[in-house]
Protein backbone atom coordinates (compact mmCIF):
# COMPACT_ATOMS: atom_id res chain seq x y z
CA UNK A 1 -37.35 36.77 161.13
CA UNK A 2 -36.86 33.12 161.99
CA UNK A 3 -39.04 30.35 160.59
CA UNK A 4 -38.95 26.75 159.38
CA UNK A 5 -40.10 26.42 155.78
CA UNK A 6 -40.06 24.31 152.64
CA UNK A 7 -39.48 26.13 149.38
CA UNK A 8 -41.19 23.76 146.93
CA UNK A 9 -44.38 25.81 146.73
CA UNK A 10 -42.33 28.98 146.21
CA UNK A 11 -40.42 27.41 143.33
CA UNK A 12 -43.65 26.32 141.62
CA UNK A 13 -45.02 29.80 142.15
CA UNK A 14 -42.22 31.34 140.10
CA UNK A 15 -42.84 28.86 137.28
CA UNK A 16 -40.22 26.12 137.68
CA UNK A 17 -41.30 22.75 136.30
CA UNK A 18 -40.87 19.45 138.13
CA UNK A 19 -37.62 18.58 136.31
CA UNK A 20 -36.07 21.92 137.21
CA UNK A 21 -37.39 21.62 140.74
CA UNK A 22 -35.79 18.18 141.11
CA UNK A 23 -32.50 19.43 139.68
CA UNK A 24 -32.42 22.38 142.06
CA UNK A 25 -33.25 20.13 145.00
CA UNK A 26 -30.63 17.56 144.06
CA UNK A 27 -27.98 20.22 143.51
CA UNK A 28 -28.25 21.93 146.88
CA UNK A 29 -30.05 20.06 149.62
CA UNK A 30 -29.09 21.36 153.05
CA UNK A 31 -27.88 18.73 155.52
CA UNK A 32 -29.79 18.39 158.78
CA UNK A 33 -28.67 20.72 161.54
CA UNK A 34 -27.79 23.57 159.24
CA UNK A 35 -29.09 27.14 159.19
CA UNK A 36 -30.03 29.02 156.03
CA UNK A 37 -30.03 32.81 155.89
CA UNK A 38 -31.94 34.60 153.13
CA UNK A 39 -32.22 38.24 152.11
CA UNK A 40 -32.83 40.26 148.99
CA UNK A 41 -29.13 40.66 148.17
CA UNK A 42 -25.62 40.74 149.58
CA UNK A 43 -22.47 42.71 148.85
CA UNK A 44 -19.59 40.49 147.76
CA UNK A 45 -16.67 42.59 149.00
CA UNK A 46 -14.16 40.31 147.25
CA UNK A 47 -15.50 41.18 143.79
CA UNK A 48 -17.29 44.45 144.50
CA UNK A 49 -20.54 43.06 143.08
CA UNK A 50 -24.02 42.73 144.52
CA UNK A 51 -25.52 39.22 144.45
CA UNK A 52 -29.30 38.87 144.35
CA UNK A 53 -31.46 36.34 146.24
CA UNK A 54 -28.80 34.64 148.36
CA UNK A 55 -29.45 31.52 150.40
CA UNK A 56 -26.48 31.29 152.75
CA UNK A 57 -26.08 27.89 154.40
CA UNK A 58 -24.31 27.68 157.76
CA UNK A 59 -22.96 24.56 159.42
CA UNK A 60 -22.98 23.72 163.14
CA UNK A 61 -19.58 25.37 163.54
CA UNK A 62 -20.97 28.74 162.43
CA UNK A 63 -19.14 28.74 159.09
CA UNK A 64 -20.70 29.16 155.65
CA UNK A 65 -20.96 25.85 153.81
CA UNK A 66 -22.73 26.97 150.62
CA UNK A 67 -24.22 30.03 148.96
CA UNK A 68 -27.06 29.34 146.52
CA UNK A 69 -29.84 31.13 144.67
CA UNK A 70 -32.89 31.20 146.95
CA UNK A 71 -35.19 31.10 143.92
CA UNK A 72 -34.05 27.61 142.91
CA UNK A 73 -33.23 25.98 146.19
CA UNK A 74 -35.03 23.64 148.56
CA UNK A 75 -34.45 22.80 152.18
CA UNK A 76 -36.34 20.63 154.63
CA UNK A 77 -38.17 21.45 157.82
CA UNK A 78 -35.15 20.45 159.90
CA UNK A 79 -33.16 23.44 158.61
CA UNK A 80 -33.40 26.60 160.70
CA UNK A 81 -34.26 29.64 158.55
CA UNK A 82 -33.29 33.24 159.30
CA UNK A 83 -35.31 35.32 156.87
CA UNK A 84 -34.00 38.86 156.55
CA UNK A 85 -36.57 39.77 153.93
CA UNK A 86 -35.83 42.70 151.65
CA UNK A 87 -32.56 43.63 153.39
CA UNK A 88 -29.10 44.05 151.93
CA UNK A 89 -26.37 42.01 153.63
CA UNK A 90 -22.76 43.00 154.12
CA UNK A 91 -20.11 40.96 155.93
CA UNK A 92 -19.83 41.46 159.65
CA UNK A 93 -17.81 44.65 160.14
CA UNK A 94 -14.31 44.73 161.63
CA UNK A 95 -12.98 47.63 163.72
CA UNK A 96 -9.20 47.46 163.94
CA UNK A 97 -8.71 49.96 166.78
CA UNK A 98 -10.93 49.85 169.84
CA UNK A 99 -10.61 50.11 173.62
CA UNK A 100 -13.52 48.15 175.06
CA UNK A 101 -12.68 49.03 178.66
CA UNK A 102 -12.70 52.76 177.98
CA UNK A 103 -16.07 54.48 178.55
CA UNK A 104 -16.08 57.57 176.34
CA UNK A 105 -17.93 59.72 178.88
CA UNK A 106 -15.24 59.44 181.57
CA UNK A 107 -12.16 61.51 180.85
CA UNK A 108 -9.17 63.07 182.58
CA UNK A 109 -8.96 62.66 186.35
CA UNK A 110 -12.60 61.56 186.60
CA UNK A 111 -11.32 58.01 186.20
CA UNK A 112 -10.00 58.16 189.77
CA UNK A 113 -13.58 58.07 191.05
CA UNK A 114 -13.81 54.36 190.24
CA UNK A 115 -12.23 51.18 191.55
CA UNK A 116 -9.79 49.18 189.43
CA UNK A 117 -12.29 46.47 188.43
CA UNK A 118 -14.82 49.03 187.19
CA UNK A 119 -13.22 49.27 183.76
CA UNK A 120 -13.54 45.58 183.01
CA UNK A 121 -17.22 45.73 183.94
CA UNK A 122 -17.85 48.57 181.48
CA UNK A 123 -16.21 46.53 178.71
CA UNK A 124 -19.12 44.07 178.75
CA UNK A 125 -21.64 46.74 177.71
CA UNK A 126 -19.24 48.35 175.26
CA UNK A 127 -18.68 45.02 173.53
CA UNK A 128 -22.42 44.48 173.19
CA UNK A 129 -22.84 48.00 171.81
CA UNK A 130 -20.23 47.29 169.13
CA UNK A 131 -21.89 44.01 168.18
CA UNK A 132 -25.27 45.72 167.90
CA UNK A 133 -23.63 48.34 165.67
CA UNK A 134 -22.66 45.56 163.26
CA UNK A 135 -19.04 45.03 164.31
CA UNK A 136 -18.70 41.29 164.73
CA UNK A 137 -14.89 41.40 165.05
CA UNK A 138 -12.76 44.00 166.85
CA UNK A 139 -9.07 44.37 167.54
CA UNK A 140 -8.58 45.74 171.05
CA UNK A 141 -5.26 47.57 171.04
CA UNK A 142 -4.44 47.92 174.71
CA UNK A 143 -6.35 47.32 177.93
CA UNK A 144 -5.66 47.68 181.62
CA UNK A 145 -5.62 44.50 183.73
CA UNK A 146 -5.86 42.53 180.45
CA UNK A 147 -9.59 43.26 180.43
CA UNK A 148 -9.76 42.54 176.71
CA UNK A 149 -8.36 39.04 177.16
CA UNK A 150 -10.74 38.25 180.01
CA UNK A 151 -13.72 39.55 178.04
CA UNK A 152 -12.73 37.53 174.98
CA UNK A 153 -12.63 34.42 177.13
CA UNK A 154 -16.02 35.23 178.65
CA UNK A 155 -17.62 35.80 175.23
CA UNK A 156 -16.09 32.62 173.80
CA UNK A 157 -17.36 30.64 176.80
CA UNK A 158 -20.87 32.06 176.55
CA UNK A 159 -20.85 34.21 179.69
CA UNK A 160 -21.11 37.48 177.75
CA UNK A 161 -22.33 38.61 174.34
CA UNK A 162 -20.04 40.54 172.06
CA UNK A 163 -17.87 40.48 168.94
CA UNK A 164 -14.88 38.29 168.21
CA UNK A 165 -11.99 39.99 170.00
CA UNK A 166 -8.36 40.10 168.93
CA UNK A 167 -6.76 41.27 172.21
CA UNK A 168 -3.43 42.96 172.89
CA UNK A 169 -3.33 42.94 176.67
CA UNK A 170 -1.12 45.78 177.81
CA UNK A 171 0.27 48.17 175.22
CA UNK A 172 4.05 48.53 175.06
CA UNK A 173 5.85 51.85 175.30
CA UNK A 174 8.67 53.93 176.76
CA UNK A 175 8.92 55.31 180.27
CA UNK A 176 7.00 58.59 180.31
CA UNK A 177 5.52 57.95 176.88
CA UNK A 178 1.97 57.79 175.64
CA UNK A 179 1.38 54.22 176.85
CA UNK A 180 2.89 54.82 180.28
CA UNK A 181 0.94 56.20 183.23
CA UNK A 182 1.53 59.95 182.89
CA UNK A 183 -1.22 61.50 185.00
CA UNK A 184 -0.03 60.66 188.54
CA UNK A 185 2.83 61.91 190.77
CA UNK A 186 5.72 59.57 191.67
CA UNK A 187 4.39 59.13 195.21
CA UNK A 188 1.51 57.11 193.75
CA UNK A 189 3.75 54.71 191.81
CA UNK A 190 5.65 51.70 193.08
CA UNK A 191 9.24 52.64 193.79
CA UNK A 192 11.67 51.66 191.00
CA UNK A 193 8.95 49.65 189.27
CA UNK A 194 7.85 50.12 185.69
CA UNK A 195 4.25 49.93 184.57
CA UNK A 196 3.21 46.72 182.82
CA UNK A 197 4.25 46.87 179.14
CA UNK A 198 6.90 49.56 179.59
CA UNK A 199 10.44 48.99 178.38
CA UNK A 200 13.45 51.17 177.58
CA UNK A 201 15.83 48.75 175.88
CA UNK A 202 15.62 46.18 173.13
CA UNK A 203 15.78 43.35 175.67
CA UNK A 204 13.08 44.85 177.90
CA UNK A 205 10.70 45.29 174.99
CA UNK A 206 11.37 41.79 173.63
CA UNK A 207 10.48 40.49 177.09
CA UNK A 208 7.26 42.50 177.08
CA UNK A 209 6.24 40.97 173.73
CA UNK A 210 6.76 37.50 175.21
CA UNK A 211 4.96 38.44 178.41
CA UNK A 212 1.86 39.79 176.66
CA UNK A 213 1.69 36.71 174.44
CA UNK A 214 2.16 34.44 177.47
CA UNK A 215 -1.02 35.81 179.03
CA UNK A 216 -3.21 35.75 175.93
CA UNK A 217 -2.35 38.63 173.61
CA UNK A 218 -3.05 37.94 169.93
CA UNK A 219 -1.63 41.24 168.65
CA UNK A 220 1.13 43.45 170.04
CA UNK A 221 0.53 47.19 170.42
CA UNK A 222 3.38 49.67 170.83
CA UNK A 223 3.24 53.44 171.24
CA UNK A 224 5.93 54.77 168.93
CA UNK A 225 5.03 58.44 169.42
CA UNK A 226 3.32 60.74 171.85
CA UNK A 227 -0.42 61.01 171.85
CA UNK A 228 -3.48 63.19 172.21
CA UNK A 229 -5.07 61.90 175.40
CA UNK A 230 -1.94 61.33 177.49
CA UNK A 231 -0.28 63.96 179.69
CA UNK A 232 3.14 65.49 179.00
CA UNK A 233 3.46 64.04 175.50
CA UNK A 234 2.98 65.58 172.07
CA UNK A 235 1.60 63.58 169.14
CA UNK A 236 4.61 64.25 166.92
CA UNK A 237 7.25 63.07 169.41
CA UNK A 238 9.20 59.91 168.53
CA UNK A 239 9.33 57.90 171.77
CA UNK A 240 10.43 54.40 170.70
CA UNK A 241 13.31 54.47 168.17
CA UNK A 242 13.52 52.32 165.07
CA UNK A 243 15.89 49.71 166.50
CA UNK A 244 13.49 49.06 169.42
CA UNK A 245 10.48 48.96 167.10
CA UNK A 246 12.33 46.47 164.92
CA UNK A 247 13.03 44.27 167.92
CA UNK A 248 9.35 44.31 168.86
CA UNK A 249 8.29 43.45 165.31
CA UNK A 250 10.88 40.68 164.94
CA UNK A 251 9.97 39.13 168.28
CA UNK A 252 6.24 39.29 167.63
CA UNK A 253 6.55 37.88 164.12
CA UNK A 254 8.68 35.03 165.46
CA UNK A 255 5.73 34.08 167.69
CA UNK A 256 3.22 34.48 164.87
CA UNK A 257 1.78 37.78 166.12
CA UNK A 258 1.25 41.01 164.22
CA UNK A 259 2.13 44.46 165.55
CA UNK A 260 0.20 47.72 165.67
CA UNK A 261 2.12 50.95 166.24
CA UNK A 262 0.44 54.05 167.64
CA UNK A 263 2.20 56.68 165.55
CA UNK A 264 0.91 60.20 165.00
CA UNK A 265 4.16 61.91 164.03
CA UNK A 266 6.02 61.64 160.74
CA UNK A 267 9.28 60.37 162.27
CA UNK A 268 7.47 57.67 164.23
CA UNK A 269 5.50 56.56 161.19
CA UNK A 270 8.64 56.26 159.08
CA UNK A 271 10.46 54.37 161.84
CA UNK A 272 7.55 51.96 162.29
CA UNK A 273 7.30 51.24 158.57
CA UNK A 274 11.05 50.68 158.29
CA UNK A 275 10.97 48.39 161.35
CA UNK A 276 8.40 46.06 159.81
CA UNK A 277 5.36 47.06 161.88
CA UNK A 278 2.13 45.72 160.35
CA UNK A 279 -0.38 48.53 161.00
CA UNK A 280 0.16 52.22 161.67
CA UNK A 281 -2.45 53.59 164.07
CA UNK A 282 -3.69 57.18 163.62
CA UNK A 283 -0.97 58.22 161.10
CA UNK A 284 -2.18 61.78 161.67
CA UNK A 285 0.94 63.74 160.71
CA UNK A 286 2.25 61.42 158.00
CA UNK A 287 4.49 63.14 155.45
CA UNK A 288 5.15 62.42 151.79
CA UNK A 289 8.07 60.12 152.59
CA UNK A 290 5.97 58.09 155.01
CA UNK A 291 3.27 57.66 152.37
CA UNK A 292 5.88 56.66 149.80
CA UNK A 293 7.37 54.10 152.19
CA UNK A 294 3.94 52.64 152.99
CA UNK A 295 3.10 52.20 149.32
CA UNK A 296 6.50 50.79 148.39
CA UNK A 297 7.06 48.33 151.22
CA UNK A 298 6.92 44.75 149.93
CA UNK A 299 5.55 43.37 153.20
CA UNK A 300 2.07 44.94 153.42
CA UNK A 301 1.62 47.79 155.87
CA UNK A 302 -1.81 49.22 156.65
CA UNK A 303 -2.92 52.65 157.88
CA UNK A 304 -5.61 52.63 160.58
CA UNK A 305 -6.81 56.23 160.71
CA UNK A 306 -9.56 57.26 163.15
CA UNK A 307 -11.00 60.27 161.35
CA UNK A 308 -14.44 60.50 162.96
CA UNK A 309 -14.09 60.59 166.74
CA UNK A 310 -13.01 64.22 167.00
CA UNK A 311 -16.63 65.25 166.38
CA UNK A 312 -17.51 63.62 169.70
CA UNK A 313 -14.43 64.64 171.66
CA UNK A 314 -14.71 68.30 170.76
CA UNK A 315 -18.46 68.39 171.48
CA UNK A 316 -18.48 66.38 174.70
CA UNK A 317 -14.89 66.14 175.95
CA UNK A 318 -14.85 69.05 178.39
CA UNK A 319 -18.11 67.89 179.98
CA UNK A 320 -16.67 64.39 180.33
CA UNK A 321 -13.61 65.69 182.19
CA UNK A 322 -11.05 65.67 179.36
CA UNK A 323 -8.32 68.21 180.13
CA UNK A 324 -8.02 71.31 177.96
CA UNK A 325 -4.47 70.38 176.94
CA UNK A 326 -5.77 67.11 175.51
CA UNK A 327 -8.59 68.87 173.71
CA UNK A 328 -6.05 71.34 172.33
CA UNK A 329 -3.99 68.52 170.80
CA UNK A 330 -7.15 66.92 169.44
CA UNK A 331 -8.12 70.18 167.71
CA UNK A 332 -4.66 70.73 166.27
CA UNK A 333 -4.37 67.40 164.47
CA UNK A 334 -7.99 66.61 163.57
CA UNK A 335 -8.19 68.29 160.17
CA UNK A 336 -4.59 67.46 159.32
CA UNK A 337 -5.37 63.79 159.91
CA UNK A 338 -8.43 63.90 157.66
CA UNK A 339 -6.53 65.63 154.88
CA UNK A 340 -3.74 63.07 155.18
CA UNK A 341 -6.29 60.26 155.03
CA UNK A 342 -7.37 61.57 151.64
CA UNK A 343 -3.76 61.99 150.54
CA UNK A 344 -2.67 58.51 151.66
CA UNK A 345 -5.69 56.81 150.12
CA UNK A 346 -5.20 58.65 146.83
CA UNK A 347 -1.55 57.52 146.79
CA UNK A 348 -2.54 53.88 147.19
CA UNK A 349 -1.78 53.22 150.86
CA UNK A 350 -3.60 50.13 152.15
CA UNK A 351 -6.31 51.23 154.60
CA UNK A 352 -8.37 49.56 157.32
CA UNK A 353 -11.32 50.79 159.38
CA UNK A 354 -10.24 52.05 162.82
CA UNK A 355 -12.44 54.13 165.12
CA UNK A 356 -10.54 54.40 168.43
CA UNK A 357 -13.82 53.53 170.15
CA UNK A 358 -13.49 54.46 173.79
CA UNK A 359 -12.47 57.95 172.79
CA UNK A 360 -16.00 58.05 171.36
CA UNK A 361 -19.02 55.87 172.27
CA UNK A 362 -18.70 52.32 170.96
CA UNK A 363 -22.17 52.21 169.50
CA UNK A 364 -21.56 55.25 167.28
CA UNK A 365 -18.51 54.09 165.35
CA UNK A 366 -20.50 53.34 162.18
CA UNK A 367 -20.57 57.08 161.64
CA UNK A 368 -16.98 56.92 160.41
CA UNK A 369 -18.04 55.39 157.08
CA UNK A 370 -19.56 58.74 156.11
CA UNK A 371 -16.31 60.60 156.84
CA UNK A 372 -14.21 58.03 154.97
CA UNK A 373 -16.35 58.66 151.90
CA UNK A 374 -16.22 62.43 152.37
CA UNK A 375 -12.43 62.20 152.35
CA UNK A 376 -11.98 60.24 149.18
CA UNK A 377 -13.20 56.68 149.40
CA UNK A 378 -16.10 55.19 147.50
CA UNK A 379 -18.72 53.48 149.67
CA UNK A 380 -17.40 50.11 148.49
CA UNK A 381 -13.84 51.02 149.46
CA UNK A 382 -14.97 52.16 152.90
CA UNK A 383 -16.85 48.88 153.41
CA UNK A 384 -13.86 46.88 152.17
CA UNK A 385 -11.67 48.71 154.70
CA UNK A 386 -13.91 47.27 157.44
CA UNK A 387 -14.19 43.80 155.93
CA UNK A 388 -11.83 42.42 153.29
CA UNK A 389 -8.88 44.70 154.11
CA UNK A 390 -9.20 44.30 157.85
CA UNK A 391 -9.30 40.51 157.55
CA UNK A 392 -6.11 40.61 155.47
CA UNK A 393 -4.39 42.90 157.98
CA UNK A 394 -5.35 40.48 160.77
CA UNK A 395 -4.22 37.44 158.79
CA UNK A 396 -7.75 36.09 159.17
CA UNK A 397 -8.84 35.77 155.52
CA UNK A 398 -10.12 32.24 156.17
CA UNK A 399 -12.33 33.31 159.07
CA UNK A 400 -13.88 36.77 158.68
CA UNK A 401 -14.18 39.73 156.32
CA UNK A 402 -16.36 38.34 153.53
CA UNK A 403 -19.54 36.40 152.84
CA UNK A 404 -17.80 33.35 151.44
CA UNK A 405 -17.74 29.58 151.88
CA UNK A 406 -15.49 28.59 154.77
CA UNK A 407 -15.72 31.89 156.63
CA UNK A 408 -17.86 32.54 159.67
CA UNK A 409 -21.44 33.52 158.91
CA UNK A 410 -20.99 37.02 160.35
CA UNK A 411 -23.49 39.27 158.59
CA UNK A 412 -25.06 42.70 158.89
CA UNK A 413 -28.41 43.64 157.35
CA UNK A 414 -29.56 47.13 156.34
CA UNK A 415 -32.68 48.44 154.62
CA UNK A 416 -31.15 50.31 151.71
CA UNK A 417 -28.12 49.98 149.46
CA UNK A 418 -24.88 50.83 151.33
CA UNK A 419 -23.03 51.04 148.01
CA UNK A 420 -25.00 54.17 147.17
CA UNK A 421 -25.69 55.41 150.71
CA UNK A 422 -22.95 54.32 153.11
CA UNK A 423 -24.83 55.97 155.99
CA UNK A 424 -27.03 52.87 156.04
CA UNK A 425 -24.23 51.43 158.18
CA UNK A 426 -24.72 54.02 160.90
CA UNK A 427 -27.74 52.11 162.22
CA UNK A 428 -27.97 48.49 161.16
CA UNK A 429 -31.18 46.49 161.30
CA UNK A 430 -29.93 42.98 162.03
CA UNK A 431 -26.68 41.30 163.02
CA UNK A 432 -25.78 37.64 162.62
CA UNK A 433 -22.67 36.21 164.32
CA UNK A 434 -21.64 32.68 163.46
CA UNK A 435 -25.03 31.92 161.97
CA UNK A 436 -26.91 33.12 165.08
CA UNK A 437 -29.18 36.15 164.96
CA UNK A 438 -27.93 38.42 167.75
CA UNK A 439 -29.83 41.58 166.77
CA UNK A 440 -33.11 41.85 164.90
CA UNK A 441 -36.46 40.11 164.99
């Protein structure tokens, strides 16, 4: 799909005279060293409209410098051309809740079969799978050994291929809570030592925010409630009280970081919203008051609800080694979470795309768009959740989330029209990251 062309003959072929041809050329000549990307159309997620015949110009820094009409544009032979033909373009997709160092097919105690460095090695393939699925930016909300930070550095330095990563390092939580190590006996833990990220007072958790940032975290993750795939916790349990959540949020915001709170239960969701947390992860058991608080809060709060992965966990979990108690919790909240997704969206809660990849295979997360539409969103709204909304929730509106001048040329190409058939995004045909074709021919 790459070629070097001049468009003068094309312009004459569609009937433009010499004066019009000169005007078009003078209006939008591409400087040397740029790339131009063409396709049949693109979805402008900022306006909700489809734009025909785009010519998207990309500078050496990978950002979009101009968007013109390919029918009345000219560029020289020194401009690299990525021709995506009759495809429809959408902005590079953003997944706000992933675990790149979590292979979905290894669950429960099966993880003890592998050495500590194994998980970081698996993250390299998982990152590439997500990029090939069209997700050019991901927020990794918790990783052992800071694998997400190391992988981000490797991708940025050119040693690995993957999406832009917003890493959290270690997730924060309470002793014995969802983000603590809950599968092993005390004889296998260091005496009187807490796991990385664990704190039980305001001061301890403030320290953990500073510590994660010190070593490269760009978002702070805290587990406010119990969870599905931990041991000896229940999803509805409040585990970090509001005053501690507020301290985490205040400390993170002071350093310019945003905070994601794992919160399944209603009490934890309400506490996180009141404390100033920026995104509520899962939000499975949200009640009417939690929805009201989310809509009313002046400082934006976003729900990141993973409503697709249970199809995989229930079908494959037992084979992968997931314990029956974890599968039981997964079954109990799955439909409730989907119904509450519909309810929250209908009420006007701000929503972002979040898959919890790692619970399910990273390359399959595009399947969630279908479920988001089934539970109340239009295809455009589902796409905006993974583009425009996610960029706003990250505070990255100048970088990602839209096909717009000044943002990175992160693009996904599909054959059909995703605004009428959102399942086009389940298997994308081409991916461009920073003006470079990373998938497609």
